[in-house]
Amino acid sequence: MDLFSSEMSRELQRLPLKDATVTYTRHFYPEEEAQKIYQTLLSEIKWQQDEITLFGKTHLQPRLTALYGEDMTPYSYSGIVMTPSIFSRTLKKIKDDIEAYTGEKFNAVLCNLYRDGKDSNGWHSDDEKELGKNPFIASISFGGKRMFHLKHKHDTTETLKLPLENGSLLCMGATTQAFYKHQVAKTKKPVSPRINLTFRKLVAL
């Protein structure tokens, strides 16, 4: 079976958040196809574990990462500067599928591998200068389900928890990054490994 042979109806859900445009497509890829893609990405991506400095202390990032792109435009966050590898065939096909679905264009993808419940990504906004103003971020998940949290920076009543499932696509656009932070928290519950790809448009500074 070809890795990208399946076709299905994709139902887009607009999430009820003020000052944000966030959509969720639960079955962007069907389960069986998503699992095949997960296995391919797990072995194909050049995973690494960088050091990160927070509050003056240096630690290993609690997940594995990799950066891929159309060119050598670097991306930096939390004191880490990443230089991309060129898109693989699999990553480019996923990018093309998401571009056709959203109407947006991307030139880079930050890949994250959450190996177990101890791996996480703390509260942050994707608001680095390389992303420009009001960036559009397309986040697709493969493998185990993890909870995704959003919270408004100024209004404590505006929060959301969403389980990101295998093959699902979450898109954040407009002023979402300006008004919200998001995280994938640690959990003591048994969870399977998860790969998350966040497609974005990087601008050379």
C-alpha atoms as a PDB file:
ATOM      1  CA  MET A   1       0.000   0.000   0.000  1.00  0.00           C
ATOM      2  CA  ASP A   2       1.354   3.416  -0.940  1.00  0.00           C
ATOM      3  CA  LEU A   3       2.136   5.605   2.058  1.00  0.00           C
ATOM      4  CA  PHE A   4      -0.211   8.371   0.877  1.00  0.00           C
ATOM      5  CA  SER A   5      -2.868   6.413  -1.032  1.00  0.00           C
ATOM      6  CA  SER A   6      -5.855   6.996   1.265  1.00  0.00           C
ATOM      7  CA  GLU A   7      -8.504   9.623   0.634  1.00  0.00           C
ATOM      8  CA  MET A   8     -11.219  10.567   3.092  1.00  0.00           C
ATOM      9  CA  SER A   9     -13.479  13.386   4.194  1.00  0.00           C
ATOM     10  CA  ARG A  10     -11.658  15.834   6.444  1.00  0.00           C
ATOM     11  CA  GLU A  11     -13.925  17.674   8.866  1.00  0.00           C
ATOM     12  CA  LEU A  12     -12.480  20.962  10.155  1.00  0.00           C
ATOM     13  CA  GLN A  13     -13.491  22.229  13.606  1.00  0.00           C
ATOM     14  CA  ARG A  14     -13.055  25.882  14.603  1.00  0.00           C
ATOM     15  CA  LEU A  15     -12.138  26.075  18.295  1.00  0.00           C
ATOM     16  CA  PRO A  16     -14.012  28.687  20.386  1.00  0.00           C
ATOM     17  CA  LEU A  17     -11.206  30.998  21.518  1.00  0.00           C
ATOM     18  CA  LYS A  18     -11.220  34.785  21.490  1.00  0.00           C
ATOM     19  CA  ASP A  19      -8.265  36.695  19.993  1.00  0.00           C
ATOM     20  CA  ALA A  20      -7.249  33.548  18.099  1.00  0.00           C
ATOM     21  CA  THR A  21      -7.889  31.474  15.009  1.00  0.00           C
ATOM     22  CA  VAL A  22      -7.385  27.804  15.868  1.00  0.00           C
ATOM     23  CA  THR A  23      -8.774  24.880  13.874  1.00  0.00           C
ATOM     24  CA  TYR A  24      -8.623  21.132  14.436  1.00  0.00           C
ATOM     25  CA  THR A  25      -9.017  18.364  11.866  1.00  0.00           C
ATOM     26  CA  ARG A  26      -9.210  15.100  13.767  1.00  0.00           C
ATOM     27  CA  HIS A  27      -8.649  12.775  10.804  1.00  0.00           C
ATOM     28  CA  PHE A  28      -6.391  14.651   8.419  1.00  0.00           C
ATOM     29  CA  TYR A  29      -4.873  11.227   7.727  1.00  0.00           C
ATOM     30  CA  PRO A  30      -6.803   8.035   8.588  1.00  0.00           C
ATOM     31  CA  GLU A  31      -5.478   5.855  11.401  1.00  0.00           C
ATOM     32  CA  GLU A  32      -3.785   3.148   9.344  1.00  0.00           C
ATOM     33  CA  GLU A  33      -2.101   5.622   7.020  1.00  0.00           C
ATOM     34  CA  ALA A  34      -1.008   7.829   9.931  1.00  0.00           C
ATOM     35  CA  GLN A  35       0.629   4.867  11.645  1.00  0.00           C
ATOM     36  CA  LYS A  36       2.598   4.001   8.495  1.00  0.00           C
ATOM     37  CA  ILE A  37       3.766   7.620   8.250  1.00  0.00           C
ATOM     38  CA  TYR A  38       4.778   7.536  11.935  1.00  0.00           C
ATOM     39  CA  GLN A  39       6.998   4.493  11.390  1.00  0.00           C
ATOM     40  CA  THR A  40       8.608   6.095   8.339  1.00  0.00           C
ATOM     41  CA  LEU A  41       9.312   9.385  10.123  1.00  0.00           C
ATOM     42  CA  LEU A  42      10.652   7.621  13.209  1.00  0.00           C
ATOM     43  CA  SER A  43      13.476   6.046  11.194  1.00  0.00           C
ATOM     44  CA  GLU A  44      13.891   8.714   8.512  1.00  0.00           C
ATOM     45  CA  ILE A  45      14.266  11.901  10.581  1.00  0.00           C
ATOM     46  CA  LYS A  46      17.696  12.820  11.980  1.00  0.00           C
ATOM     47  CA  TRP A  47      16.645  13.158  15.617  1.00  0.00           C
ATOM     48  CA  GLN A  48      18.827  15.049  18.090  1.00  0.00           C
ATOM     49  CA  GLN A  49      18.628  16.212  21.706  1.00  0.00           C
ATOM     50  CA  ASP A  50      19.846  19.775  22.188  1.00  0.00           C
ATOM     51  CA  GLU A  51      20.714  21.599  25.370  1.00  0.00           C
ATOM     52  CA  ILE A  52      18.374  24.395  26.415  1.00  0.00           C
ATOM     53  CA  THR A  53      19.009  27.221  28.887  1.00  0.00           C
ATOM     54  CA  LEU A  54      16.128  28.317  31.104  1.00  0.00           C
ATOM     55  CA  PHE A  55      16.443  30.731  34.015  1.00  0.00           C
ATOM     56  CA  GLY A  56      20.225  30.526  33.828  1.00  0.00           C
ATOM     57  CA  LYS A  57      20.386  26.731  33.996  1.00  0.00           C
ATOM     58  CA  THR A  58      21.258  24.419  31.102  1.00  0.00           C
ATOM     59  CA  HIS A  59      19.419  21.135  30.589  1.00  0.00           C
ATOM     60  CA  LEU A  60      18.850  18.594  27.864  1.00  0.00           C
ATOM     61  CA  GLN A  61      15.576  19.304  26.077  1.00  0.00           C
ATOM     62  CA  PRO A  62      12.882  16.884  27.297  1.00  0.00           C
ATOM     63  CA  ARG A  63      12.229  15.595  23.759  1.00  0.00           C
ATOM     64  CA  LEU A  64      14.088  14.964  20.508  1.00  0.00           C
ATOM     65  CA  THR A  65      13.963  17.477  17.663  1.00  0.00           C
ATOM     66  CA  ALA A  66      15.013  18.100  14.068  1.00  0.00           C
ATOM     67  CA  LEU A  67      14.595  20.928  11.575  1.00  0.00           C
ATOM     68  CA  TYR A  68      13.974  20.532   7.846  1.00  0.00           C
ATOM     69  CA  GLY A  69      13.452  23.169   5.192  1.00  0.00           C
ATOM     70  CA  GLU A  70      13.605  24.238   1.565  1.00  0.00           C
ATOM     71  CA  ASP A  71      16.833  26.130   2.144  1.00  0.00           C
ATOM     72  CA  MET A  72      19.404  26.776   4.850  1.00  0.00           C
ATOM     73  CA  THR A  73      17.459  29.516   6.689  1.00  0.00           C
ATOM     74  CA  PRO A  74      18.243  28.904  10.409  1.00  0.00           C
ATOM     75  CA  TYR A  75      15.695  28.959  13.219  1.00  0.00           C
ATOM     76  CA  SER A  76      16.420  29.924  16.812  1.00  0.00           C
ATOM     77  CA  TYR A  77      14.444  29.584  20.063  1.00  0.00           C
ATOM     78  CA  SER A  78      15.355  29.435  23.754  1.00  0.00           C
ATOM     79  CA  GLY A  79      19.030  29.920  22.945  1.00  0.00           C
ATOM     80  CA  ILE A  80      19.094  27.071  20.396  1.00  0.00           C
ATOM     81  CA  VAL A  81      20.061  27.809  16.784  1.00  0.00           C
ATOM     82  CA  MET A  82      19.025  25.083  14.351  1.00  0.00           C
ATOM     83  CA  THR A  83      20.184  24.741  10.750  1.00  0.00           C
ATOM     84  CA  PRO A  84      17.767  22.736   8.606  1.00  0.00           C
ATOM     85  CA  SER A  85      18.315  19.638   6.545  1.00  0.00           C
ATOM     86  CA  ILE A  86      16.574  19.564   3.161  1.00  0.00           C
ATOM     87  CA  PHE A  87      13.013  18.173   3.153  1.00  0.00           C
ATOM     88  CA  SER A  88      12.779  14.423   2.731  1.00  0.00           C
ATOM     89  CA  ARG A  89      10.271  12.991   0.248  1.00  0.00           C
ATOM     90  CA  THR A  90       7.904  12.067   3.081  1.00  0.00           C
ATOM     91  CA  LEU A  91       8.064  15.485   4.774  1.00  0.00           C
ATOM     92  CA  LYS A  92       7.589  17.289   1.464  1.00  0.00           C
ATOM     93  CA  LYS A  93       4.489  15.209   0.671  1.00  0.00           C
ATOM     94  CA  ILE A  94       2.985  16.003   4.075  1.00  0.00           C
ATOM     95  CA  LYS A  95       3.813  19.685   3.523  1.00  0.00           C
ATOM     96  CA  ASP A  96       2.159  19.622   0.101  1.00  0.00           C
ATOM     97  CA  ASP A  97      -0.974  17.977   1.537  1.00  0.00           C
ATOM     98  CA  ILE A  98      -1.281  20.583   4.313  1.00  0.00           C
ATOM     99  CA  GLU A  99      -0.632  23.468   1.906  1.00  0.00           C
ATOM    100  CA  ALA A 100      -3.379  22.214  -0.414  1.00  0.00           C
ATOM    101  CA  TYR A 101      -5.762  21.912   2.551  1.00  0.00           C
ATOM    102  CA  THR A 102      -5.008  25.249   4.240  1.00  0.00           C
ATOM    103  CA  GLY A 103      -4.019  27.486   1.316  1.00  0.00           C
ATOM    104  CA  GLU A 104      -0.893  28.480   3.263  1.00  0.00           C
ATOM    105  CA  LYS A 105       2.748  28.074   2.208  1.00  0.00           C
ATOM    106  CA  PHE A 106       5.560  26.702   4.365  1.00  0.00           C
ATOM    107  CA  ASN A 107       9.323  26.493   3.918  1.00  0.00           C
ATOM    108  CA  ALA A 108      10.324  24.705   7.134  1.00  0.00           C
ATOM    109  CA  VAL A 109       9.170  22.114   9.647  1.00  0.00           C
ATOM    110  CA  LEU A 110      10.248  21.664  13.258  1.00  0.00           C
ATOM    111  CA  CYS A 111       9.957  17.980  14.187  1.00  0.00           C
ATOM    112  CA  ASN A 112       9.434  16.806  17.775  1.00  0.00           C
ATOM    113  CA  LEU A 113       9.608  13.267  19.136  1.00  0.00           C
ATOM    114  CA  TYR A 114       7.965  12.730  22.531  1.00  0.00           C
ATOM    115  CA  ARG A 115       9.339   9.352  23.593  1.00  0.00           C
ATOM    116  CA  ASP A 116       7.153   8.922  26.696  1.00  0.00           C
ATOM    117  CA  GLY A 117       5.175  10.892  29.271  1.00  0.00           C
ATOM    118  CA  LYS A 118       8.349  12.456  30.675  1.00  0.00           C
ATOM    119  CA  ASP A 119       8.980  14.264  27.377  1.00  0.00           C
ATOM    120  CA  SER A 120       7.256  17.627  27.124  1.00  0.00           C
ATOM    121  CA  ASN A 121       7.238  21.146  25.707  1.00  0.00           C
ATOM    122  CA  GLY A 122       6.649  23.898  28.278  1.00  0.00           C
ATOM    123  CA  TRP A 123       4.479  26.997  28.005  1.00  0.00           C
ATOM    124  CA  HIS A 124       5.557  29.171  25.054  1.00  0.00           C
ATOM    125  CA  SER A 125       4.395  31.102  22.011  1.00  0.00           C
ATOM    126  CA  ASP A 126       5.719  30.590  18.503  1.00  0.00           C
ATOM    127  CA  ASP A 127       6.589  34.261  18.170  1.00  0.00           C
ATOM    128  CA  GLU A 128      10.270  34.273  17.194  1.00  0.00           C
ATOM    129  CA  LYS A 129      11.381  37.033  14.804  1.00  0.00           C
ATOM    130  CA  GLU A 130      12.085  34.478  12.062  1.00  0.00           C
ATOM    131  CA  LEU A 131       8.350  33.685  11.927  1.00  0.00           C
ATOM    132  CA  GLY A 132       7.224  37.255  11.210  1.00  0.00           C
ATOM    133  CA  LYS A 133       4.041  38.870  12.527  1.00  0.00           C
ATOM    134  CA  ASN A 134       0.992  36.659  13.179  1.00  0.00           C
ATOM    135  CA  PRO A 135       2.515  33.422  11.843  1.00  0.00           C
ATOM    136  CA  PHE A 136       0.438  30.489  10.632  1.00  0.00           C
ATOM    137  CA  ILE A 137       1.561  27.253  12.329  1.00  0.00           C
ATOM    138  CA  ALA A 138       0.302  23.861  11.108  1.00  0.00           C
ATOM    139  CA  SER A 139       0.875  21.116  13.677  1.00  0.00           C
ATOM    140  CA  ILE A 140       0.292  17.499  12.660  1.00  0.00           C
ATOM    141  CA  SER A 141       0.557  14.531  15.027  1.00  0.00           C
ATOM    142  CA  PHE A 142       1.496  10.886  14.473  1.00  0.00           C
ATOM    143  CA  GLY A 143       1.609   8.061  17.002  1.00  0.00           C
ATOM    144  CA  GLY A 144       0.425   8.312  20.605  1.00  0.00           C
ATOM    145  CA  LYS A 145      -2.211  10.774  21.802  1.00  0.00           C
ATOM    146  CA  ARG A 146      -1.045  13.718  23.955  1.00  0.00           C
ATOM    147  CA  MET A 147      -2.928  16.595  25.566  1.00  0.00           C
ATOM    148  CA  PHE A 148      -2.388  20.044  24.071  1.00  0.00           C
ATOM    149  CA  HIS A 149      -3.001  23.075  26.313  1.00  0.00           C
ATOM    150  CA  LEU A 150      -3.723  26.665  25.304  1.00  0.00           C
ATOM    151  CA  LYS A 151      -4.061  29.643  27.654  1.00  0.00           C
ATOM    152  CA  HIS A 152      -4.654  33.344  27.035  1.00  0.00           C
ATOM    153  CA  LYS A 153      -1.827  35.614  28.170  1.00  0.00           C
ATOM    154  CA  HIS A 154      -4.185  38.160  29.759  1.00  0.00           C
ATOM    155  CA  ASP A 155      -7.568  36.476  30.326  1.00  0.00           C
ATOM    156  CA  THR A 156      -7.358  33.498  32.692  1.00  0.00           C
ATOM    157  CA  THR A 157     -10.858  32.336  31.676  1.00  0.00           C
ATOM    158  CA  GLU A 158      -9.683  31.584  28.127  1.00  0.00           C
ATOM    159  CA  THR A 159      -8.103  28.127  28.259  1.00  0.00           C
ATOM    160  CA  LEU A 160      -8.434  24.920  26.289  1.00  0.00           C
ATOM    161  CA  LYS A 161      -7.274  21.310  26.557  1.00  0.00           C
ATOM    162  CA  LEU A 162      -7.377  19.165  23.453  1.00  0.00           C
ATOM    163  CA  PRO A 163      -6.207  15.579  22.862  1.00  0.00           C
ATOM    164  CA  LEU A 164      -4.121  15.539  19.682  1.00  0.00           C
ATOM    165  CA  GLU A 165      -4.753  12.194  18.024  1.00  0.00           C
ATOM    166  CA  ASN A 166      -2.848  10.107  15.504  1.00  0.00           C
ATOM    167  CA  GLY A 167      -3.186  11.742  12.078  1.00  0.00           C
ATOM    168  CA  SER A 168      -4.759  14.969  13.398  1.00  0.00           C
ATOM    169  CA  LEU A 169      -3.967  18.505  12.224  1.00  0.00           C
ATOM    170  CA  LEU A 170      -4.078  21.594  14.469  1.00  0.00           C
ATOM    171  CA  CYS A 171      -3.644  25.010  12.827  1.00  0.00           C
ATOM    172  CA  MET A 172      -2.973  28.290  14.650  1.00  0.00           C
ATOM    173  CA  GLY A 173      -3.146  31.562  12.743  1.00  0.00           C
ATOM    174  CA  ALA A 174      -3.967  35.285  12.923  1.00  0.00           C
ATOM    175  CA  THR A 175      -3.206  36.674  16.428  1.00  0.00           C
ATOM    176  CA  THR A 176      -3.034  33.309  18.222  1.00  0.00           C
ATOM    177  CA  GLN A 177       0.679  33.543  19.048  1.00  0.00           C
ATOM    178  CA  ALA A 178       0.335  37.161  20.188  1.00  0.00           C
ATOM    179  CA  PHE A 179      -2.415  36.340  22.697  1.00  0.00           C
ATOM    180  CA  TYR A 180      -1.831  32.705  23.672  1.00  0.00           C
ATOM    181  CA  LYS A 181       0.761  30.328  25.033  1.00  0.00           C
ATOM    182  CA  HIS A 182       0.612  26.567  24.495  1.00  0.00           C
ATOM    183  CA  GLN A 183       2.268  23.456  25.893  1.00  0.00           C
ATOM    184  CA  VAL A 184       2.443  19.668  25.854  1.00  0.00           C
ATOM    185  CA  ALA A 185       2.750  18.842  29.542  1.00  0.00           C
ATOM    186  CA  LYS A 186       4.445  15.881  31.202  1.00  0.00           C
ATOM    187  CA  THR A 187       2.127  13.079  32.250  1.00  0.00           C
ATOM    188  CA  LYS A 188       2.391  10.055  34.536  1.00  0.00           C
ATOM    189  CA  LYS A 189      -0.212   8.233  32.463  1.00  0.00           C
ATOM    190  CA  PRO A 190       1.118   5.544  30.116  1.00  0.00           C
ATOM    191  CA  VAL A 191       1.419   7.068  26.632  1.00  0.00           C
ATOM    192  CA  SER A 192       2.885   5.824  23.369  1.00  0.00           C
ATOM    193  CA  PRO A 193       5.637   7.759  21.556  1.00  0.00           C
ATOM    194  CA  ARG A 194       4.386  10.687  19.481  1.00  0.00           C
ATOM    195  CA  ILE A 195       5.857  12.569  16.536  1.00  0.00           C
ATOM    196  CA  ASN A 196       4.712  16.152  16.031  1.00  0.00           C
ATOM    197  CA  LEU A 197       5.538  18.161  12.902  1.00  0.00           C
ATOM    198  CA  THR A 198       5.034  21.936  13.053  1.00  0.00           C
ATOM    199  CA  PHE A 199       5.144  23.487   9.601  1.00  0.00           C
ATOM    200  CA  ARG A 200       5.967  27.186   9.411  1.00  0.00           C
ATOM    201  CA  LYS A 201       7.237  29.974   7.178  1.00  0.00           C
ATOM    202  CA  LEU A 202      10.703  31.195   8.158  1.00  0.00           C
ATOM    203  CA  VAL A 203      11.913  34.624   7.078  1.00  0.00           C
ATOM    204  CA  ALA A 204      15.636  35.321   6.737  1.00  0.00           C
ATOM    205  CA  LEU A 205      16.670  38.139   9.108  1.00  0.00           C
END
